[in-house]
Amino acid sequence: MAEKIQQVYPLAPANGYTKNDAESLESVDELKRKKRIKLAIYISIFIVFQIMVITAMSLTVMKVKTPKVRLGNVNVQELNSAPTTPSFDTKFSTQIKVKNTNFGPYKFDAAIVTFLYQGATVGQVSIPKSKAGMLSTKKIDVKVSLSSSALSSSNLGSELNSGVLTLNSAAKLTGKVELMLIMKKKKSSTMDCTIAFDLSSKTLKSLQCK
């Protein structure tokens, strides 16, 4: 009689999982771990990038600079002087330039530009309330008329004899720089210019502003 062949089957693991199943689970866990690491790296890179952007903006875009107010070109229409009296009067046109280097408009109130001879007022012009746009220069055309009639300086005669008349202009603008439509920063701008006229040619000799 032929012997019966009894097939032997391997016993199943006690936990119900095979070796291959365990390896598959470990592989899935490893993939998940790698994904979490990549996600953490991406989040870290994003945070560092945001910090860099915010820092750059705070140092450039969000940094509020003081606008500058200066005199522009001076075109002389009249220039009369009398060393013996002594006296002078002049009329000229010029521009008040308000330079705004901020990433937002500079809105300023009305102001007065005063022209002086050795600290004494010889004339004034007004600046209307206005606005200098972002990264731009506001130019205001003005006509100036100056006279020494109110002066009592003993040095005027000798200066007129020298052939050069030196005057100063001063002004102070007050206003606000507006950034990102939400932040407003008060800023005051001052003018300090020195104007020299050539009395013989009746022209502008030099113009310097600080």
C-alpha atoms as a PDB file:
ATOM      1  CA  MET A   1       0.000   0.000   0.000  1.00  0.00           C
ATOM      2  CA  ALA A   2       1.344   3.389  -0.900  1.00  0.00           C
ATOM      3  CA  GLU A   3       2.228   5.536   2.037  1.00  0.00           C
ATOM      4  CA  LYS A   4       0.124   8.580   2.458  1.00  0.00           C
ATOM      5  CA  ILE A   5       2.185  11.738   2.033  1.00  0.00           C
ATOM      6  CA  GLN A   6       1.227  14.313   4.586  1.00  0.00           C
ATOM      7  CA  GLN A   7       1.954  17.911   3.475  1.00  0.00           C
ATOM      8  CA  VAL A   8       3.331  20.055   6.218  1.00  0.00           C
ATOM      9  CA  TYR A   9       2.372  23.751   6.217  1.00  0.00           C
ATOM     10  CA  PRO A  10       4.359  26.416   8.128  1.00  0.00           C
ATOM     11  CA  LEU A  11       2.698  27.698  11.213  1.00  0.00           C
ATOM     12  CA  ALA A  12       1.217  31.176  10.925  1.00  0.00           C
ATOM     13  CA  PRO A  13       2.696  33.861  13.196  1.00  0.00           C
ATOM     14  CA  ALA A  14       0.915  34.298  16.479  1.00  0.00           C
ATOM     15  CA  ASN A  15       0.074  37.964  15.719  1.00  0.00           C
ATOM     16  CA  GLY A  16      -1.549  37.109  12.403  1.00  0.00           C
ATOM     17  CA  TYR A  17       1.041  38.981  10.252  1.00  0.00           C
ATOM     18  CA  THR A  18       3.642  37.473   7.994  1.00  0.00           C
ATOM     19  CA  LYS A  19       7.228  38.638   7.651  1.00  0.00           C
ATOM     20  CA  ASN A  20       6.412  40.347   4.377  1.00  0.00           C
ATOM     21  CA  ASP A  21       3.523  42.209   5.994  1.00  0.00           C
ATOM     22  CA  ALA A  22       5.808  43.466   8.757  1.00  0.00           C
ATOM     23  CA  GLU A  23       8.352  44.701   6.229  1.00  0.00           C
ATOM     24  CA  SER A  24       5.607  46.480   4.302  1.00  0.00           C
ATOM     25  CA  LEU A  25       4.429  48.233   7.472  1.00  0.00           C
ATOM     26  CA  GLU A  26       7.985  49.311   8.293  1.00  0.00           C
ATOM     27  CA  SER A  27       8.371  50.677   4.757  1.00  0.00           C
ATOM     28  CA  VAL A  28       5.129  52.671   5.063  1.00  0.00           C
ATOM     29  CA  ASP A  29       6.227  54.066   8.433  1.00  0.00           C
ATOM     30  CA  GLU A  30       9.583  55.024   6.954  1.00  0.00           C
ATOM     31  CA  LEU A  31       7.881  56.828   4.076  1.00  0.00           C
ATOM     32  CA  LYS A  32       5.638  58.700   6.486  1.00  0.00           C
ATOM     33  CA  ARG A  33       8.652  59.678   8.584  1.00  0.00           C
ATOM     34  CA  LYS A  34      10.495  60.983   5.530  1.00  0.00           C
ATOM     35  CA  LYS A  35       7.426  62.961   4.461  1.00  0.00           C
ATOM     36  CA  ARG A  36       7.192  64.533   7.918  1.00  0.00           C
ATOM     37  CA  ILE A  37      10.887  65.464   7.764  1.00  0.00           C
ATOM     38  CA  LYS A  38      10.455  67.014   4.300  1.00  0.00           C
ATOM     39  CA  LEU A  39       7.382  68.938   5.481  1.00  0.00           C
ATOM     40  CA  ALA A  40       9.309  70.244   8.498  1.00  0.00           C
ATOM     41  CA  ILE A  41      12.165  71.322   6.213  1.00  0.00           C
ATOM     42  CA  TYR A  42       9.765  73.113   3.843  1.00  0.00           C
ATOM     43  CA  ILE A  43       8.058  74.889   6.745  1.00  0.00           C
ATOM     44  CA  SER A  44      11.441  75.955   8.153  1.00  0.00           C
ATOM     45  CA  ILE A  45      12.550  77.286   4.755  1.00  0.00           C
ATOM     46  CA  PHE A  46       9.265  79.195   4.401  1.00  0.00           C
ATOM     47  CA  ILE A  47       9.626  80.749   7.863  1.00  0.00           C
ATOM     48  CA  VAL A  48      13.232  81.789   7.171  1.00  0.00           C
ATOM     49  CA  PHE A  49      12.169  83.274   3.820  1.00  0.00           C
ATOM     50  CA  GLN A  50       9.361  85.246   5.486  1.00  0.00           C
ATOM     51  CA  ILE A  51      11.769  86.562   8.105  1.00  0.00           C
ATOM     52  CA  MET A  52      14.154  87.677   5.357  1.00  0.00           C
ATOM     53  CA  VAL A  53      11.331  89.394   3.445  1.00  0.00           C
ATOM     54  CA  ILE A  54      10.059  91.165   6.567  1.00  0.00           C
ATOM     55  CA  THR A  55      13.582  92.257   7.487  1.00  0.00           C
ATOM     56  CA  ALA A  56      14.245  93.561   3.980  1.00  0.00           C
ATOM     57  CA  MET A  57      10.945  95.462   3.954  1.00  0.00           C
ATOM     58  CA  SER A  58      11.612  96.985   7.371  1.00  0.00           C
ATOM     59  CA  LEU A  59      15.014  98.210   6.178  1.00  0.00           C
ATOM     60  CA  THR A  60      13.770  99.573   2.840  1.00  0.00           C
ATOM     61  CA  VAL A  61      10.065  99.847   2.113  1.00  0.00           C
ATOM     62  CA  MET A  62       8.895 100.407   5.691  1.00  0.00           C
ATOM     63  CA  LYS A  63      11.764 102.694   6.687  1.00  0.00           C
ATOM     64  CA  VAL A  64      10.498 106.282   6.726  1.00  0.00           C
ATOM     65  CA  LYS A  65      12.985 108.873   5.466  1.00  0.00           C
ATOM     66  CA  THR A  66      12.711 112.629   5.940  1.00  0.00           C
ATOM     67  CA  PRO A  67      11.652 114.332   2.670  1.00  0.00           C
ATOM     68  CA  LYS A  68      13.880 117.155   1.411  1.00  0.00           C
ATOM     69  CA  VAL A  69      12.710 120.658   0.480  1.00  0.00           C
ATOM     70  CA  ARG A  70      14.943 122.742  -1.758  1.00  0.00           C
ATOM     71  CA  LEU A  71      14.935 125.679  -4.164  1.00  0.00           C
ATOM     72  CA  GLY A  72      15.084 124.898  -7.868  1.00  0.00           C
ATOM     73  CA  ASN A  73      16.467 126.982 -10.723  1.00  0.00           C
ATOM     74  CA  VAL A  74      16.315 130.753 -10.180  1.00  0.00           C
ATOM     75  CA  ASN A  75      15.389 132.926 -13.178  1.00  0.00           C
ATOM     76  CA  VAL A  76      16.037 136.594 -12.483  1.00  0.00           C
ATOM     77  CA  GLN A  77      13.578 139.105 -13.978  1.00  0.00           C
ATOM     78  CA  GLU A  78      14.723 142.241 -12.151  1.00  0.00           C
ATOM     79  CA  LEU A  79      17.733 143.044  -9.976  1.00  0.00           C
ATOM     80  CA  ASN A  80      18.420 146.620  -8.922  1.00  0.00           C
ATOM     81  CA  SER A  81      20.920 147.826  -6.358  1.00  0.00           C
ATOM     82  CA  ALA A  82      22.171 151.169  -5.064  1.00  0.00           C
ATOM     83  CA  PRO A  83      25.344 151.021  -2.921  1.00  0.00           C
ATOM     84  CA  THR A  84      25.078 154.669  -1.902  1.00  0.00           C
ATOM     85  CA  THR A  85      21.563 154.412  -0.448  1.00  0.00           C
ATOM     86  CA  PRO A  86      22.190 151.407   0.241  1.00  0.00           C
ATOM     87  CA  SER A  87      19.306 149.313  -1.087  1.00  0.00           C
ATOM     88  CA  PHE A  88      18.301 146.538  -3.460  1.00  0.00           C
ATOM     89  CA  ASP A  89      15.197 144.950  -4.912  1.00  0.00           C
ATOM     90  CA  THR A  90      14.786 141.881  -7.076  1.00  0.00           C
ATOM     91  CA  LYS A  91      12.145 139.743  -8.713  1.00  0.00           C
ATOM     92  CA  PHE A  92      12.710 136.186  -9.834  1.00  0.00           C
ATOM     93  CA  SER A  93      10.885 132.939 -10.449  1.00  0.00           C
ATOM     94  CA  THR A  94      11.896 129.603  -8.954  1.00  0.00           C
ATOM     95  CA  GLN A  95      10.572 126.222  -7.883  1.00  0.00           C
ATOM     96  CA  ILE A  96      10.060 124.801  -4.428  1.00  0.00           C
ATOM     97  CA  LYS A  97      11.039 121.132  -4.744  1.00  0.00           C
ATOM     98  CA  VAL A  98       9.817 118.589  -2.207  1.00  0.00           C
ATOM     99  CA  LYS A  99      11.687 115.323  -2.792  1.00  0.00           C
ATOM    100  CA  ASN A 100      10.061 112.224  -1.298  1.00  0.00           C
ATOM    101  CA  THR A 101      12.165 109.027  -1.331  1.00  0.00           C
ATOM    102  CA  ASN A 102       9.629 106.931   0.597  1.00  0.00           C
ATOM    103  CA  PHE A 103       7.453 104.067  -0.668  1.00  0.00           C
ATOM    104  CA  GLY A 104       4.351 106.106   0.096  1.00  0.00           C
ATOM    105  CA  PRO A 105       3.061 109.680  -0.425  1.00  0.00           C
ATOM    106  CA  TYR A 106       4.148 112.620   1.733  1.00  0.00           C
ATOM    107  CA  LYS A 107       1.225 114.920   2.515  1.00  0.00           C
ATOM    108  CA  PHE A 108       2.345 118.282   3.882  1.00  0.00           C
ATOM    109  CA  ASP A 109       0.582 121.357   5.218  1.00  0.00           C
ATOM    110  CA  ALA A 110       0.803 124.899   3.875  1.00  0.00           C
ATOM    111  CA  ALA A 111       4.037 126.683   4.787  1.00  0.00           C
ATOM    112  CA  ILE A 112       6.028 129.878   4.303  1.00  0.00           C
ATOM    113  CA  VAL A 113       9.438 130.263   2.634  1.00  0.00           C
ATOM    114  CA  THR A 114      11.326 133.215   4.123  1.00  0.00           C
ATOM    115  CA  PHE A 115      14.162 135.014   2.328  1.00  0.00           C
ATOM    116  CA  LEU A 116      16.723 136.725   4.536  1.00  0.00           C
ATOM    117  CA  TYR A 117      19.680 139.058   4.377  1.00  0.00           C
ATOM    118  CA  GLN A 118      22.023 138.486   7.325  1.00  0.00           C
ATOM    119  CA  GLY A 119      19.106 137.109   9.365  1.00  0.00           C
ATOM    120  CA  ALA A 120      16.651 139.910   8.503  1.00  0.00           C
ATOM    121  CA  THR A 121      13.553 139.121   6.438  1.00  0.00           C
ATOM    122  CA  VAL A 122      13.473 140.710   2.965  1.00  0.00           C
ATOM    123  CA  GLY A 123      10.520 138.734   1.539  1.00  0.00           C
ATOM    124  CA  GLN A 124       8.316 135.662   1.770  1.00  0.00           C
ATOM    125  CA  VAL A 125       6.344 133.298  -0.452  1.00  0.00           C
ATOM    126  CA  SER A 126       3.720 130.750   0.544  1.00  0.00           C
ATOM    127  CA  ILE A 127       3.653 127.017  -0.212  1.00  0.00           C
ATOM    128  CA  PRO A 128       0.131 125.572  -0.543  1.00  0.00           C
ATOM    129  CA  LYS A 129      -0.958 122.350   1.127  1.00  0.00           C
ATOM    130  CA  SER A 130      -0.028 119.552  -1.242  1.00  0.00           C
ATOM    131  CA  LYS A 131       1.389 116.057  -1.658  1.00  0.00           C
ATOM    132  CA  ALA A 132       4.635 114.568  -2.970  1.00  0.00           C
ATOM    133  CA  GLY A 133       3.931 111.127  -4.425  1.00  0.00           C
ATOM    134  CA  MET A 134       5.804 107.911  -3.739  1.00  0.00           C
ATOM    135  CA  LEU A 135       9.456 108.100  -4.884  1.00  0.00           C
ATOM    136  CA  SER A 136       8.836 111.417  -6.633  1.00  0.00           C
ATOM    137  CA  THR A 137       9.495 115.163  -6.373  1.00  0.00           C
ATOM    138  CA  LYS A 138       6.717 117.722  -6.059  1.00  0.00           C
ATOM    139  CA  LYS A 139       7.591 120.952  -7.886  1.00  0.00           C
ATOM    140  CA  ILE A 140       5.790 124.167  -6.957  1.00  0.00           C
ATOM    141  CA  ASP A 141       6.341 127.221  -9.178  1.00  0.00           C
ATOM    142  CA  VAL A 142       6.606 130.507  -7.272  1.00  0.00           C
ATOM    143  CA  LYS A 143       7.364 134.144  -8.059  1.00  0.00           C
ATOM    144  CA  VAL A 144       9.512 135.962  -5.534  1.00  0.00           C
ATOM    145  CA  SER A 145       9.758 139.691  -4.899  1.00  0.00           C
ATOM    146  CA  LEU A 146      12.402 140.903  -2.432  1.00  0.00           C
ATOM    147  CA  SER A 147      13.283 144.349  -1.109  1.00  0.00           C
ATOM    148  CA  SER A 148      15.769 145.800   1.384  1.00  0.00           C
ATOM    149  CA  SER A 149      13.399 148.592   2.423  1.00  0.00           C
ATOM    150  CA  ALA A 150      13.008 147.151   5.934  1.00  0.00           C
ATOM    151  CA  LEU A 151      16.752 146.667   6.471  1.00  0.00           C
ATOM    152  CA  SER A 152      18.959 148.780   8.694  1.00  0.00           C
ATOM    153  CA  SER A 153      22.211 146.873   8.188  1.00  0.00           C
ATOM    154  CA  SER A 154      25.371 148.927   7.862  1.00  0.00           C
ATOM    155  CA  ASN A 155      27.074 146.087   5.971  1.00  0.00           C
ATOM    156  CA  LEU A 156      24.710 146.257   3.005  1.00  0.00           C
ATOM    157  CA  GLY A 157      26.518 149.118   1.276  1.00  0.00           C
ATOM    158  CA  SER A 158      29.913 147.404   1.363  1.00  0.00           C
ATOM    159  CA  GLU A 159      28.428 144.139   0.115  1.00  0.00           C
ATOM    160  CA  LEU A 160      26.690 145.872  -2.781  1.00  0.00           C
ATOM    161  CA  ASN A 161      29.989 147.553  -3.671  1.00  0.00           C
ATOM    162  CA  SER A 162      31.596 144.088  -3.838  1.00  0.00           C
ATOM    163  CA  GLY A 163      29.278 143.208  -6.722  1.00  0.00           C
ATOM    164  CA  VAL A 164      27.753 140.143  -5.069  1.00  0.00           C
ATOM    165  CA  LEU A 165      24.525 140.010  -3.039  1.00  0.00           C
ATOM    166  CA  THR A 166      24.113 136.958  -0.798  1.00  0.00           C
ATOM    167  CA  LEU A 167      20.709 135.935   0.570  1.00  0.00           C
ATOM    168  CA  ASN A 168      19.338 132.929   2.415  1.00  0.00           C
ATOM    169  CA  SER A 169      16.047 131.063   2.196  1.00  0.00           C
ATOM    170  CA  ALA A 170      14.479 129.072   5.034  1.00  0.00           C
ATOM    171  CA  ALA A 171      11.305 127.030   5.446  1.00  0.00           C
ATOM    172  CA  LYS A 172       9.840 124.186   7.459  1.00  0.00           C
ATOM    173  CA  LEU A 173       7.326 121.701   6.101  1.00  0.00           C
ATOM    174  CA  THR A 174       5.280 119.509   8.426  1.00  0.00           C
ATOM    175  CA  GLY A 175       3.350 116.508   7.197  1.00  0.00           C
ATOM    176  CA  LYS A 176       2.903 112.741   7.230  1.00  0.00           C
ATOM    177  CA  VAL A 177       4.332 109.897   5.174  1.00  0.00           C
ATOM    178  CA  GLU A 178       1.725 107.222   4.480  1.00  0.00           C
ATOM    179  CA  LEU A 179       2.896 103.626   4.017  1.00  0.00           C
ATOM    180  CA  MET A 180       0.832 100.628   2.905  1.00  0.00           C
ATOM    181  CA  LEU A 181      -2.333 102.749   3.275  1.00  0.00           C
ATOM    182  CA  ILE A 182      -2.349 102.052   7.025  1.00  0.00           C
ATOM    183  CA  MET A 183       0.795 103.438   8.653  1.00  0.00           C
ATOM    184  CA  LYS A 184       1.326 107.179   8.952  1.00  0.00           C
ATOM    185  CA  LYS A 185       4.542 108.742  10.208  1.00  0.00           C
ATOM    186  CA  LYS A 186       4.982 112.437  11.000  1.00  0.00           C
ATOM    187  CA  LYS A 187       7.955 114.048   9.274  1.00  0.00           C
ATOM    188  CA  SER A 188       9.226 117.632   9.162  1.00  0.00           C
ATOM    189  CA  SER A 189      11.431 118.962   6.364  1.00  0.00           C
ATOM    190  CA  THR A 190      13.569 122.094   6.516  1.00  0.00           C
ATOM    191  CA  MET A 191      15.036 124.317   3.817  1.00  0.00           C
ATOM    192  CA  ASP A 192      18.402 126.013   4.181  1.00  0.00           C
ATOM    193  CA  CYS A 193      19.624 127.539   0.916  1.00  0.00           C
ATOM    194  CA  THR A 194      22.168 130.243   0.122  1.00  0.00           C
ATOM    195  CA  ILE A 195      21.630 132.373  -2.990  1.00  0.00           C
ATOM    196  CA  ALA A 196      24.291 134.634  -4.488  1.00  0.00           C
ATOM    197  CA  PHE A 197      23.484 137.212  -7.189  1.00  0.00           C
ATOM    198  CA  ASP A 198      25.990 138.841  -9.527  1.00  0.00           C
ATOM    199  CA  LEU A 199      25.006 142.504  -9.436  1.00  0.00           C
ATOM    200  CA  SER A 200      26.961 143.543 -12.533  1.00  0.00           C
ATOM    201  CA  SER A 201      25.383 140.952 -14.846  1.00  0.00           C
ATOM    202  CA  LYS A 202      22.124 140.841 -12.837  1.00  0.00           C
ATOM    203  CA  THR A 203      22.101 137.062 -12.876  1.00  0.00           C
ATOM    204  CA  LEU A 204      22.284 134.191 -10.418  1.00  0.00           C
ATOM    205  CA  LYS A 205      25.875 133.502  -9.384  1.00  0.00           C
ATOM    206  CA  SER A 206      25.322 130.388  -7.244  1.00  0.00           C
ATOM    207  CA  LEU A 207      22.687 128.395  -5.369  1.00  0.00           C
ATOM    208  CA  GLN A 208      23.570 125.989  -2.586  1.00  0.00           C
ATOM    209  CA  CYS A 209      21.139 124.040  -0.398  1.00  0.00           C
ATOM    210  CA  LYS A 210      21.934 121.886   2.620  1.00  0.00           C
END
